[in-house]
Amino acid sequence: MKKNVIKIILLIVFFLYATISGCGYKSKELAENKLKIVTTLFPLYDFTKNITGDRAEVTLLLPPGVEAHSFEPKAGDILKVNSADIFIYTGRFMEPWSEDIVKSIDNKKLLIVDASMGIKVSSLDKTQEDHKDTHHTKYKNNNIDPHIWLDLSNVIIMVDNIVGSLIKKDPANKDFYQKKGEQYKVMIKDLDERFKKTLNSCKKRIIVHGGHFAFGYLAKRYDLEYVSAYKGSPNAEPTPKLVARMKKIIREKNVKYVFFEELITPRVAMVLSEETNTRLLKLHGCHNISKEEMDRGVTFLSLMEENLNNLKTGLECP
């Protein structure tokens, strides 16, 4: 009797071991078969994660807290991209340093995706010419505004570009990627409609921004005026003439709030606020997020929801 019990116990142990080992092997095999995707900016990272779910390993190239315009890729970043299956960026105007990475890649199987394909990019407002750009003299953006994701209609195109690249690299999961992409686009379209409805009846129709020219697409999408302290790099320096012009606009239009941006010391916004007796509010450009935001699990959608709430306050919307 005891021998039979022992045999049964041994059989159960053997069965459990075989099952666990098999599951472990399958998990390892699934992990090894996952697409490896490197994205440059936070919006691309978040879009791609929403579309791929657990079918891919998605990496954000920018370390948390690093400002996108001033990022300089290191050897480790190039190795990371070189070992990936897909590299996604928004185009040469936003990440000119991405061209240096691409030129250094010897992985012939790497699929390089420009997520801005099919999007008509805008030029910077000519009023933004009055500044002193003390950074990024190596790269010229030809007066193009690269912040395409801040027009939510452009996000639809970017998502389609990402879905297309995933299907090209992993056709077996075509239906999955298409379904997830469509679900995400529904959420983007819903948010876009809420932006339109909320901002359509605001008392103030101008965004006064004490940072670099980042919200031109957003303003144009919702029929708002937009003035910023300078174009190009967030490290540029506005001239006294432009600051004086912005103070004049604030007083003439009775503006009560000046906006500042993420990851940058809001020095100019603070000066404008102090000298015009206005309050400060943040508008998040979503280029990248801080470590605290990463730990908190913020998403592109949640950041844009915060932007909508702050715009509602700053533009005195009912």
C-alpha atoms as a PDB file:
ATOM      1  CA  MET A   1       0.000   0.000   0.000  1.00  0.00           C
ATOM      2  CA  LYS A   2       2.786   2.390   0.975  1.00  0.00           C
ATOM      3  CA  LYS A   3       4.668   1.546  -2.237  1.00  0.00           C
ATOM      4  CA  ASN A   4       1.600   2.396  -4.356  1.00  0.00           C
ATOM      5  CA  VAL A   5       1.194   5.726  -2.570  1.00  0.00           C
ATOM      6  CA  ILE A   6       4.859   6.551  -3.152  1.00  0.00           C
ATOM      7  CA  LYS A   7       4.522   5.650  -6.829  1.00  0.00           C
ATOM      8  CA  ILE A   8       1.474   7.887  -7.198  1.00  0.00           C
ATOM      9  CA  ILE A   9       3.282  10.796  -5.481  1.00  0.00           C
ATOM     10  CA  LEU A  10       6.323  10.318  -7.743  1.00  0.00           C
ATOM     11  CA  LEU A  11       4.083  10.282 -10.814  1.00  0.00           C
ATOM     12  CA  ILE A  12       2.391  13.492  -9.704  1.00  0.00           C
ATOM     13  CA  VAL A  13       5.758  15.184  -9.046  1.00  0.00           C
ATOM     14  CA  PHE A  14       7.073  14.031 -12.432  1.00  0.00           C
ATOM     15  CA  PHE A  15       3.933  15.298 -14.176  1.00  0.00           C
ATOM     16  CA  LEU A  16       4.135  18.694 -12.460  1.00  0.00           C
ATOM     17  CA  TYR A  17       7.847  19.012 -13.270  1.00  0.00           C
ATOM     18  CA  ALA A  18       7.243  18.161 -16.915  1.00  0.00           C
ATOM     19  CA  THR A  19       4.384  20.649 -17.141  1.00  0.00           C
ATOM     20  CA  ILE A  20       6.357  23.478 -15.489  1.00  0.00           C
ATOM     21  CA  SER A  21       9.420  22.742 -17.596  1.00  0.00           C
ATOM     22  CA  GLY A  22       7.302  22.713 -20.739  1.00  0.00           C
ATOM     23  CA  CYS A  23       5.657  26.013 -19.847  1.00  0.00           C
ATOM     24  CA  GLY A  24       9.040  27.514 -19.073  1.00  0.00           C
ATOM     25  CA  TYR A  25      10.383  26.379 -22.425  1.00  0.00           C
ATOM     26  CA  LYS A  26       7.347  27.769 -24.241  1.00  0.00           C
ATOM     27  CA  SER A  27       7.619  31.086 -22.367  1.00  0.00           C
ATOM     28  CA  LYS A  28      11.281  31.333 -23.290  1.00  0.00           C
ATOM     29  CA  GLU A  29      10.499  30.458 -26.895  1.00  0.00           C
ATOM     30  CA  LEU A  30       7.723  33.081 -27.037  1.00  0.00           C
ATOM     31  CA  ALA A  31      10.031  35.700 -25.527  1.00  0.00           C
ATOM     32  CA  GLU A  32      12.716  34.921 -28.095  1.00  0.00           C
ATOM     33  CA  ASN A  33      10.186  35.151 -30.949  1.00  0.00           C
ATOM     34  CA  LYS A  34       8.840  38.543 -29.870  1.00  0.00           C
ATOM     35  CA  LEU A  35       9.549  41.446 -32.176  1.00  0.00           C
ATOM     36  CA  LYS A  36      12.188  43.785 -30.795  1.00  0.00           C
ATOM     37  CA  ILE A  37      11.178  47.382 -31.516  1.00  0.00           C
ATOM     38  CA  VAL A  38      13.093  50.566 -30.697  1.00  0.00           C
ATOM     39  CA  THR A  39      11.246  53.894 -30.787  1.00  0.00           C
ATOM     40  CA  THR A  40      12.767  57.349 -30.490  1.00  0.00           C
ATOM     41  CA  LEU A  41      10.102  59.473 -28.787  1.00  0.00           C
ATOM     42  CA  PHE A  42       7.495  58.784 -26.122  1.00  0.00           C
ATOM     43  CA  PRO A  43       4.424  59.110 -28.408  1.00  0.00           C
ATOM     44  CA  LEU A  44       5.830  56.443 -30.746  1.00  0.00           C
ATOM     45  CA  TYR A  45       6.690  54.219 -27.779  1.00  0.00           C
ATOM     46  CA  ASP A  46       3.172  54.510 -26.369  1.00  0.00           C
ATOM     47  CA  PHE A  47       1.410  54.066 -29.733  1.00  0.00           C
ATOM     48  CA  THR A  48       3.475  50.953 -30.476  1.00  0.00           C
ATOM     49  CA  LYS A  49       2.918  49.397 -27.059  1.00  0.00           C
ATOM     50  CA  ASN A  50      -0.833  49.867 -27.438  1.00  0.00           C
ATOM     51  CA  ILE A  51      -0.798  48.193 -30.847  1.00  0.00           C
ATOM     52  CA  THR A  52       1.549  45.286 -30.081  1.00  0.00           C
ATOM     53  CA  GLY A  53       0.372  44.360 -26.588  1.00  0.00           C
ATOM     54  CA  ASP A  54       2.390  41.333 -25.484  1.00  0.00           C
ATOM     55  CA  ARG A  55       3.502  40.471 -29.030  1.00  0.00           C
ATOM     56  CA  ALA A  56       6.582  42.695 -28.969  1.00  0.00           C
ATOM     57  CA  GLU A  57       9.315  44.073 -26.763  1.00  0.00           C
ATOM     58  CA  VAL A  58       9.126  47.851 -27.211  1.00  0.00           C
ATOM     59  CA  THR A  59      11.958  50.116 -26.060  1.00  0.00           C
ATOM     60  CA  LEU A  60      12.093  53.901 -25.726  1.00  0.00           C
ATOM     61  CA  LEU A  61      15.496  55.149 -26.879  1.00  0.00           C
ATOM     62  CA  LEU A  62      15.306  58.401 -24.913  1.00  0.00           C
ATOM     63  CA  PRO A  63      16.094  57.866 -21.221  1.00  0.00           C
ATOM     64  CA  PRO A  64      13.352  59.218 -18.921  1.00  0.00           C
ATOM     65  CA  GLY A  65      13.806  62.921 -18.219  1.00  0.00           C
ATOM     66  CA  VAL A  66      16.058  63.608 -21.224  1.00  0.00           C
ATOM     67  CA  GLU A  67      14.874  66.448 -23.476  1.00  0.00           C
ATOM     68  CA  ALA A  68      14.334  65.129 -27.005  1.00  0.00           C
ATOM     69  CA  HIS A  69      15.912  67.991 -28.953  1.00  0.00           C
ATOM     70  CA  SER A  70      19.186  67.895 -27.053  1.00  0.00           C
ATOM     71  CA  PHE A  71      19.583  64.094 -27.039  1.00  0.00           C
ATOM     72  CA  GLU A  72      22.850  62.756 -28.422  1.00  0.00           C
ATOM     73  CA  PRO A  73      22.920  58.987 -29.125  1.00  0.00           C
ATOM     74  CA  LYS A  74      25.737  56.944 -27.602  1.00  0.00           C
ATOM     75  CA  ALA A  75      27.395  53.761 -28.856  1.00  0.00           C
ATOM     76  CA  GLY A  76      25.030  51.696 -26.687  1.00  0.00           C
ATOM     77  CA  ASP A  77      22.018  53.292 -28.379  1.00  0.00           C
ATOM     78  CA  ILE A  78      23.340  52.344 -31.804  1.00  0.00           C
ATOM     79  CA  LEU A  79      23.914  48.759 -30.631  1.00  0.00           C
ATOM     80  CA  LYS A  80      20.368  48.654 -29.255  1.00  0.00           C
ATOM     81  CA  VAL A  81      18.916  49.733 -32.606  1.00  0.00           C
ATOM     82  CA  ASN A  82      21.239  47.425 -34.515  1.00  0.00           C
ATOM     83  CA  SER A  83      19.907  44.386 -32.638  1.00  0.00           C
ATOM     84  CA  ALA A  84      16.231  45.321 -33.149  1.00  0.00           C
ATOM     85  CA  ASP A  85      13.747  44.147 -35.764  1.00  0.00           C
ATOM     86  CA  ILE A  86      12.102  47.547 -36.219  1.00  0.00           C
ATOM     87  CA  PHE A  87      13.301  51.114 -35.605  1.00  0.00           C
ATOM     88  CA  ILE A  88      10.552  53.775 -35.522  1.00  0.00           C
ATOM     89  CA  TYR A  89      11.147  57.542 -35.579  1.00  0.00           C
ATOM     90  CA  THR A  90       9.094  60.599 -36.565  1.00  0.00           C
ATOM     91  CA  GLY A  91      11.362  61.924 -39.285  1.00  0.00           C
ATOM     92  CA  ARG A  92      14.553  63.896 -39.808  1.00  0.00           C
ATOM     93  CA  PHE A  93      13.076  67.209 -38.656  1.00  0.00           C
ATOM     94  CA  MET A  94      12.277  66.090 -35.108  1.00  0.00           C
ATOM     95  CA  GLU A  95      15.159  63.687 -34.522  1.00  0.00           C
ATOM     96  CA  PRO A  96      17.999  64.736 -36.843  1.00  0.00           C
ATOM     97  CA  TRP A  97      20.279  62.577 -34.714  1.00  0.00           C
ATOM     98  CA  SER A  98      18.343  59.513 -35.893  1.00  0.00           C
ATOM     99  CA  GLU A  99      20.030  59.854 -39.287  1.00  0.00           C
ATOM    100  CA  ASP A 100      23.396  59.347 -37.589  1.00  0.00           C
ATOM    101  CA  ILE A 101      22.053  56.152 -36.017  1.00  0.00           C
ATOM    102  CA  VAL A 102      20.658  54.825 -39.302  1.00  0.00           C
ATOM    103  CA  LYS A 103      23.968  55.456 -41.082  1.00  0.00           C
ATOM    104  CA  SER A 104      25.757  53.400 -38.415  1.00  0.00           C
ATOM    105  CA  ILE A 105      23.498  50.329 -38.724  1.00  0.00           C
ATOM    106  CA  ASP A 106      24.771  47.176 -40.435  1.00  0.00           C
ATOM    107  CA  ASN A 107      21.692  45.038 -39.679  1.00  0.00           C
ATOM    108  CA  LYS A 108      20.244  44.482 -43.165  1.00  0.00           C
ATOM    109  CA  LYS A 109      17.060  42.948 -41.713  1.00  0.00           C
ATOM    110  CA  LEU A 110      16.226  46.011 -39.624  1.00  0.00           C
ATOM    111  CA  LEU A 111      13.007  47.686 -40.775  1.00  0.00           C
ATOM    112  CA  ILE A 112      13.363  51.483 -40.492  1.00  0.00           C
ATOM    113  CA  VAL A 113      10.029  53.270 -40.176  1.00  0.00           C
ATOM    114  CA  ASP A 114       9.427  56.995 -40.637  1.00  0.00           C
ATOM    115  CA  ALA A 115       6.103  57.400 -38.813  1.00  0.00           C
ATOM    116  CA  SER A 116       5.541  60.820 -40.418  1.00  0.00           C
ATOM    117  CA  MET A 117       5.026  59.375 -43.908  1.00  0.00           C
ATOM    118  CA  GLY A 118       1.881  60.838 -45.458  1.00  0.00           C
ATOM    119  CA  ILE A 119       1.707  63.784 -43.047  1.00  0.00           C
ATOM    120  CA  LYS A 120       1.929  67.327 -44.381  1.00  0.00           C
ATOM    121  CA  VAL A 121       4.355  69.124 -42.102  1.00  0.00           C
ATOM    122  CA  SER A 122       3.891  72.796 -41.223  1.00  0.00           C
ATOM    123  CA  SER A 123       6.374  75.644 -41.280  1.00  0.00           C
ATOM    124  CA  LEU A 124       7.190  77.658 -38.190  1.00  0.00           C
ATOM    125  CA  ASP A 125       5.430  80.975 -37.716  1.00  0.00           C
ATOM    126  CA  LYS A 126       7.614  83.750 -39.174  1.00  0.00           C
ATOM    127  CA  THR A 127       7.229  85.702 -35.945  1.00  0.00           C
ATOM    128  CA  GLN A 128       9.384  83.048 -34.309  1.00  0.00           C
ATOM    129  CA  GLU A 129      12.439  84.179 -36.274  1.00  0.00           C
ATOM    130  CA  ASP A 130      13.348  86.765 -33.641  1.00  0.00           C
ATOM    131  CA  HIS A 131      15.492  84.617 -31.352  1.00  0.00           C
ATOM    132  CA  LYS A 132      19.029  83.513 -30.686  1.00  0.00           C
ATOM    133  CA  ASP A 133      19.439  79.750 -31.090  1.00  0.00           C
ATOM    134  CA  THR A 134      22.462  78.773 -29.004  1.00  0.00           C
ATOM    135  CA  HIS A 135      22.061  75.019 -29.405  1.00  0.00           C
ATOM    136  CA  HIS A 136      21.922  72.438 -32.176  1.00  0.00           C
ATOM    137  CA  THR A 137      24.000  74.396 -34.650  1.00  0.00           C
ATOM    138  CA  LYS A 138      24.945  71.013 -36.143  1.00  0.00           C
ATOM    139  CA  TYR A 139      21.383  70.363 -37.312  1.00  0.00           C
ATOM    140  CA  LYS A 140      19.080  72.597 -39.340  1.00  0.00           C
ATOM    141  CA  ASN A 141      15.348  71.986 -39.474  1.00  0.00           C
ATOM    142  CA  ASN A 142      14.616  74.392 -42.352  1.00  0.00           C
ATOM    143  CA  ASN A 143      11.932  76.140 -40.298  1.00  0.00           C
ATOM    144  CA  ILE A 144       9.765  72.999 -40.190  1.00  0.00           C
ATOM    145  CA  ASP A 145       7.582  72.378 -37.139  1.00  0.00           C
ATOM    146  CA  PRO A 146       8.189  68.682 -36.330  1.00  0.00           C
ATOM    147  CA  HIS A 147       5.687  68.217 -33.460  1.00  0.00           C
ATOM    148  CA  ILE A 148       3.203  66.366 -35.672  1.00  0.00           C
ATOM    149  CA  TRP A 149       1.649  64.192 -32.915  1.00  0.00           C
ATOM    150  CA  LEU A 150       0.052  67.255 -31.279  1.00  0.00           C
ATOM    151  CA  ASP A 151      -2.488  67.296 -34.093  1.00  0.00           C
ATOM    152  CA  LEU A 152      -4.551  64.230 -33.191  1.00  0.00           C
ATOM    153  CA  SER A 153      -5.570  63.712 -36.818  1.00  0.00           C
ATOM    154  CA  ASN A 154      -1.872  63.096 -37.531  1.00  0.00           C
ATOM    155  CA  VAL A 155      -1.793  60.427 -34.826  1.00  0.00           C
ATOM    156  CA  ILE A 156      -4.261  58.386 -36.904  1.00  0.00           C
ATOM    157  CA  ILE A 157      -1.777  58.391 -39.807  1.00  0.00           C
ATOM    158  CA  MET A 158       1.148  57.564 -37.509  1.00  0.00           C
ATOM    159  CA  VAL A 159      -0.744  54.604 -36.035  1.00  0.00           C
ATOM    160  CA  ASP A 160      -1.519  53.318 -39.546  1.00  0.00           C
ATOM    161  CA  ASN A 161       2.177  53.619 -40.461  1.00  0.00           C
ATOM    162  CA  ILE A 162       3.170  51.652 -37.370  1.00  0.00           C
ATOM    163  CA  VAL A 163       0.542  48.961 -38.000  1.00  0.00           C
ATOM    164  CA  GLY A 164       1.750  48.620 -41.593  1.00  0.00           C
ATOM    165  CA  SER A 165       5.349  48.129 -40.480  1.00  0.00           C
ATOM    166  CA  LEU A 166       4.331  45.493 -37.918  1.00  0.00           C
ATOM    167  CA  ILE A 167       2.377  43.535 -40.509  1.00  0.00           C
ATOM    168  CA  LYS A 168       5.301  43.714 -42.905  1.00  0.00           C
ATOM    169  CA  LYS A 169       7.664  42.289 -40.302  1.00  0.00           C
ATOM    170  CA  ASP A 170       5.209  39.911 -38.623  1.00  0.00           C
ATOM    171  CA  PRO A 171       2.408  38.976 -41.085  1.00  0.00           C
ATOM    172  CA  ALA A 172       1.271  36.055 -38.891  1.00  0.00           C
ATOM    173  CA  ASN A 173      -0.162  38.558 -36.395  1.00  0.00           C
ATOM    174  CA  LYS A 174      -1.736  40.854 -39.004  1.00  0.00           C
ATOM    175  CA  ASP A 175      -5.306  40.592 -37.644  1.00  0.00           C
ATOM    176  CA  PHE A 176      -4.135  41.260 -34.083  1.00  0.00           C
ATOM    177  CA  TYR A 177      -2.205  44.430 -35.019  1.00  0.00           C
ATOM    178  CA  GLN A 178      -5.035  45.740 -37.198  1.00  0.00           C
ATOM    179  CA  LYS A 179      -7.611  45.185 -34.453  1.00  0.00           C
ATOM    180  CA  LYS A 180      -5.468  46.861 -31.772  1.00  0.00           C
ATOM    181  CA  GLY A 181      -4.684  49.744 -34.117  1.00  0.00           C
ATOM    182  CA  GLU A 182      -8.358  50.340 -34.846  1.00  0.00           C
ATOM    183  CA  GLN A 183      -9.215  50.248 -31.139  1.00  0.00           C
ATOM    184  CA  TYR A 184      -6.538  52.823 -30.375  1.00  0.00           C
ATOM    185  CA  LYS A 185      -7.677  55.093 -33.212  1.00  0.00           C
ATOM    186  CA  VAL A 186     -11.202  55.091 -31.789  1.00  0.00           C
ATOM    187  CA  MET A 187      -9.792  56.466 -28.506  1.00  0.00           C
ATOM    188  CA  ILE A 188      -7.762  59.107 -30.371  1.00  0.00           C
ATOM    189  CA  LYS A 189     -10.812  60.222 -32.380  1.00  0.00           C
ATOM    190  CA  ASP A 190     -12.905  60.432 -29.211  1.00  0.00           C
ATOM    191  CA  LEU A 191     -10.284  62.629 -27.533  1.00  0.00           C
ATOM    192  CA  ASP A 192     -10.050  64.805 -30.640  1.00  0.00           C
ATOM    193  CA  GLU A 193     -13.811  65.396 -30.538  1.00  0.00           C
ATOM    194  CA  ARG A 194     -13.649  66.366 -26.872  1.00  0.00           C
ATOM    195  CA  PHE A 195     -10.855  68.843 -27.621  1.00  0.00           C
ATOM    196  CA  LYS A 196     -12.999  70.399 -30.376  1.00  0.00           C
ATOM    197  CA  LYS A 197     -16.118  70.576 -28.228  1.00  0.00           C
ATOM    198  CA  THR A 198     -14.306  71.994 -25.172  1.00  0.00           C
ATOM    199  CA  LEU A 199     -12.105  74.546 -26.937  1.00  0.00           C
ATOM    200  CA  ASN A 200     -14.766  75.753 -29.357  1.00  0.00           C
ATOM    201  CA  SER A 201     -16.409  78.023 -26.786  1.00  0.00           C
ATOM    202  CA  CYS A 202     -13.429  79.371 -24.831  1.00  0.00           C
ATOM    203  CA  LYS A 203     -13.408  83.028 -23.836  1.00  0.00           C
ATOM    204  CA  LYS A 204      -9.736  83.382 -24.797  1.00  0.00           C
ATOM    205  CA  ARG A 205      -8.519  82.190 -28.224  1.00  0.00           C
ATOM    206  CA  ILE A 206      -4.747  82.498 -27.812  1.00  0.00           C
ATOM    207  CA  ILE A 207      -2.104  80.242 -26.263  1.00  0.00           C
ATOM    208  CA  VAL A 208       0.782  82.300 -24.864  1.00  0.00           C
ATOM    209  CA  HIS A 209       3.685  79.908 -24.385  1.00  0.00           C
ATOM    210  CA  GLY A 210       6.940  80.804 -22.670  1.00  0.00           C
ATOM    211  CA  GLY A 211       8.779  77.947 -24.355  1.00  0.00           C
ATOM    212  CA  HIS A 212       9.887  76.773 -27.796  1.00  0.00           C
ATOM    213  CA  PHE A 213       7.488  76.578 -30.751  1.00  0.00           C
ATOM    214  CA  ALA A 214       5.873  73.189 -30.026  1.00  0.00           C
ATOM    215  CA  PHE A 215       2.099  73.640 -30.079  1.00  0.00           C
ATOM    216  CA  GLY A 216       1.499  75.059 -33.545  1.00  0.00           C
ATOM    217  CA  TYR A 217      -0.268  71.903 -34.742  1.00  0.00           C
ATOM    218  CA  LEU A 218      -2.526  71.788 -31.701  1.00  0.00           C
ATOM    219  CA  ALA A 219      -3.478  75.454 -32.078  1.00  0.00           C
ATOM    220  CA  LYS A 220      -4.205  75.117 -35.790  1.00  0.00           C
ATOM    221  CA  ARG A 221      -6.301  71.977 -35.239  1.00  0.00           C
ATOM    222  CA  TYR A 222      -8.610  73.782 -32.819  1.00  0.00           C
ATOM    223  CA  ASP A 223      -8.589  77.211 -34.470  1.00  0.00           C
ATOM    224  CA  LEU A 224      -6.543  78.980 -31.796  1.00  0.00           C
ATOM    225  CA  GLU A 225      -3.849  81.647 -32.008  1.00  0.00           C
ATOM    226  CA  TYR A 226      -0.426  80.633 -30.745  1.00  0.00           C
ATOM    227  CA  VAL A 227       2.637  82.604 -29.762  1.00  0.00           C
ATOM    228  CA  SER A 228       5.802  81.159 -28.251  1.00  0.00           C
ATOM    229  CA  ALA A 229       9.007  82.651 -26.949  1.00  0.00           C
ATOM    230  CA  TYR A 230      11.282  81.073 -29.583  1.00  0.00           C
ATOM    231  CA  LYS A 231      11.572  78.388 -32.255  1.00  0.00           C
ATOM    232  CA  GLY A 232      14.027  75.500 -32.612  1.00  0.00           C
ATOM    233  CA  SER A 233      15.739  74.028 -29.583  1.00  0.00           C
ATOM    234  CA  PRO A 234      14.207  74.557 -26.119  1.00  0.00           C
ATOM    235  CA  ASN A 235      17.648  75.881 -25.154  1.00  0.00           C
ATOM    236  CA  ALA A 236      17.351  78.823 -27.553  1.00  0.00           C
ATOM    237  CA  GLU A 237      17.265  82.342 -26.174  1.00  0.00           C
ATOM    238  CA  PRO A 238      14.432  84.751 -27.062  1.00  0.00           C
ATOM    239  CA  THR A 239      15.434  88.324 -27.778  1.00  0.00           C
ATOM    240  CA  PRO A 240      14.249  91.198 -25.542  1.00  0.00           C
ATOM    241  CA  LYS A 241      12.227  92.414 -28.540  1.00  0.00           C
ATOM    242  CA  LEU A 242      10.208  89.185 -28.704  1.00  0.00           C
ATOM    243  CA  VAL A 243       9.680  89.068 -24.933  1.00  0.00           C
ATOM    244  CA  ALA A 244       8.415  92.659 -25.057  1.00  0.00           C
ATOM    245  CA  ARG A 245       6.060  91.709 -27.892  1.00  0.00           C
ATOM    246  CA  MET A 246       4.676  88.802 -25.864  1.00  0.00           C
ATOM    247  CA  LYS A 247       4.096  91.032 -22.833  1.00  0.00           C
ATOM    248  CA  LYS A 248       2.217  93.450 -25.067  1.00  0.00           C
ATOM    249  CA  ILE A 249      -0.005  90.627 -26.358  1.00  0.00           C
ATOM    250  CA  ILE A 250      -0.726  89.445 -22.808  1.00  0.00           C
ATOM    251  CA  ARG A 251      -1.854  92.917 -21.740  1.00  0.00           C
ATOM    252  CA  GLU A 252      -3.817  93.731 -24.898  1.00  0.00           C
ATOM    253  CA  LYS A 253      -5.730  90.447 -24.886  1.00  0.00           C
ATOM    254  CA  ASN A 254      -6.106  90.358 -21.103  1.00  0.00           C
ATOM    255  CA  VAL A 255      -4.458  86.914 -20.932  1.00  0.00           C
ATOM    256  CA  LYS A 256      -4.476  85.450 -17.430  1.00  0.00           C
ATOM    257  CA  TYR A 257      -2.274  82.363 -17.935  1.00  0.00           C
ATOM    258  CA  VAL A 258       1.136  81.727 -19.485  1.00  0.00           C
ATOM    259  CA  PHE A 259       1.976  78.145 -20.446  1.00  0.00           C
ATOM    260  CA  PHE A 260       5.285  76.352 -19.914  1.00  0.00           C
ATOM    261  CA  GLU A 261       6.502  72.935 -21.081  1.00  0.00           C
ATOM    262  CA  GLU A 262       7.824  69.717 -19.579  1.00  0.00           C
ATOM    263  CA  LEU A 263      11.476  68.844 -18.782  1.00  0.00           C
ATOM    264  CA  ILE A 264      12.605  72.462 -19.266  1.00  0.00           C
ATOM    265  CA  THR A 265      13.201  75.062 -16.566  1.00  0.00           C
ATOM    266  CA  PRO A 266      10.374  77.556 -17.268  1.00  0.00           C
ATOM    267  CA  ARG A 267      12.612  80.591 -16.955  1.00  0.00           C
ATOM    268  CA  VAL A 268      11.042  82.666 -19.748  1.00  0.00           C
ATOM    269  CA  ALA A 269       7.501  81.702 -18.733  1.00  0.00           C
ATOM    270  CA  MET A 270       8.291  82.761 -15.151  1.00  0.00           C
ATOM    271  CA  VAL A 271       9.615  86.131 -16.310  1.00  0.00           C
ATOM    272  CA  LEU A 272       6.487  86.730 -18.395  1.00  0.00           C
ATOM    273  CA  SER A 273       4.269  85.631 -15.511  1.00  0.00           C
ATOM    274  CA  GLU A 274       5.985  87.870 -12.953  1.00  0.00           C
ATOM    275  CA  GLU A 275       6.056  90.937 -15.197  1.00  0.00           C
ATOM    276  CA  THR A 276       2.429  90.645 -16.343  1.00  0.00           C
ATOM    277  CA  ASN A 277       0.866  89.308 -13.147  1.00  0.00           C
ATOM    278  CA  THR A 278      -0.338  86.120 -14.860  1.00  0.00           C
ATOM    279  CA  ARG A 279      -0.413  82.518 -13.616  1.00  0.00           C
ATOM    280  CA  LEU A 280       1.541  79.539 -14.933  1.00  0.00           C
ATOM    281  CA  LEU A 281       0.086  76.351 -16.420  1.00  0.00           C
ATOM    282  CA  LYS A 282       1.833  73.380 -18.027  1.00  0.00           C
ATOM    283  CA  LEU A 283       1.294  72.178 -21.574  1.00  0.00           C
ATOM    284  CA  HIS A 284       2.952  68.813 -22.139  1.00  0.00           C
ATOM    285  CA  GLY A 285       4.576  68.409 -25.546  1.00  0.00           C
ATOM    286  CA  CYS A 286       4.821  64.621 -24.959  1.00  0.00           C
ATOM    287  CA  HIS A 287       8.284  64.385 -26.570  1.00  0.00           C
ATOM    288  CA  ASN A 288       9.478  62.467 -23.522  1.00  0.00           C
ATOM    289  CA  ILE A 289       8.451  61.910 -19.917  1.00  0.00           C
ATOM    290  CA  SER A 290      10.183  62.109 -16.559  1.00  0.00           C
ATOM    291  CA  LYS A 291      11.140  59.074 -14.483  1.00  0.00           C
ATOM    292  CA  GLU A 292       8.332  59.908 -12.074  1.00  0.00           C
ATOM    293  CA  GLU A 293       5.835  59.943 -14.950  1.00  0.00           C
ATOM    294  CA  MET A 294       7.233  56.670 -16.287  1.00  0.00           C
ATOM    295  CA  ASP A 295       6.881  55.044 -12.839  1.00  0.00           C
ATOM    296  CA  ARG A 296       3.349  56.434 -12.596  1.00  0.00           C
ATOM    297  CA  GLY A 297       2.447  54.803 -15.895  1.00  0.00           C
ATOM    298  CA  VAL A 298       1.362  57.901 -17.793  1.00  0.00           C
ATOM    299  CA  THR A 299       0.266  57.470 -21.397  1.00  0.00           C
ATOM    300  CA  PHE A 300       0.014  59.753 -24.401  1.00  0.00           C
ATOM    301  CA  LEU A 301      -3.751  59.854 -23.896  1.00  0.00           C
ATOM    302  CA  SER A 302      -3.484  60.735 -20.199  1.00  0.00           C
ATOM    303  CA  LEU A 303      -0.990  63.525 -20.943  1.00  0.00           C
ATOM    304  CA  MET A 304      -3.271  64.959 -23.609  1.00  0.00           C
ATOM    305  CA  GLU A 305      -6.194  64.763 -21.149  1.00  0.00           C
ATOM    306  CA  GLU A 306      -4.120  66.891 -18.740  1.00  0.00           C
ATOM    307  CA  ASN A 307      -3.389  69.318 -21.576  1.00  0.00           C
ATOM    308  CA  LEU A 308      -7.103  69.614 -22.307  1.00  0.00           C
ATOM    309  CA  ASN A 309      -7.859  70.340 -18.651  1.00  0.00           C
ATOM    310  CA  ASN A 310      -5.136  72.997 -18.457  1.00  0.00           C
ATOM    311  CA  LEU A 311      -6.238  74.595 -21.726  1.00  0.00           C
ATOM    312  CA  LYS A 312      -9.789  74.682 -20.418  1.00  0.00           C
ATOM    313  CA  THR A 313      -8.539  76.653 -17.409  1.00  0.00           C
ATOM    314  CA  GLY A 314      -6.038  78.834 -19.240  1.00  0.00           C
ATOM    315  CA  LEU A 315      -8.387  79.803 -22.081  1.00  0.00           C
ATOM    316  CA  GLU A 316     -11.342  80.336 -19.732  1.00  0.00           C
ATOM    317  CA  CYS A 317     -13.595  77.704 -21.282  1.00  0.00           C
ATOM    318  CA  PRO A 318     -17.100  77.208 -19.854  1.00  0.00           C
END
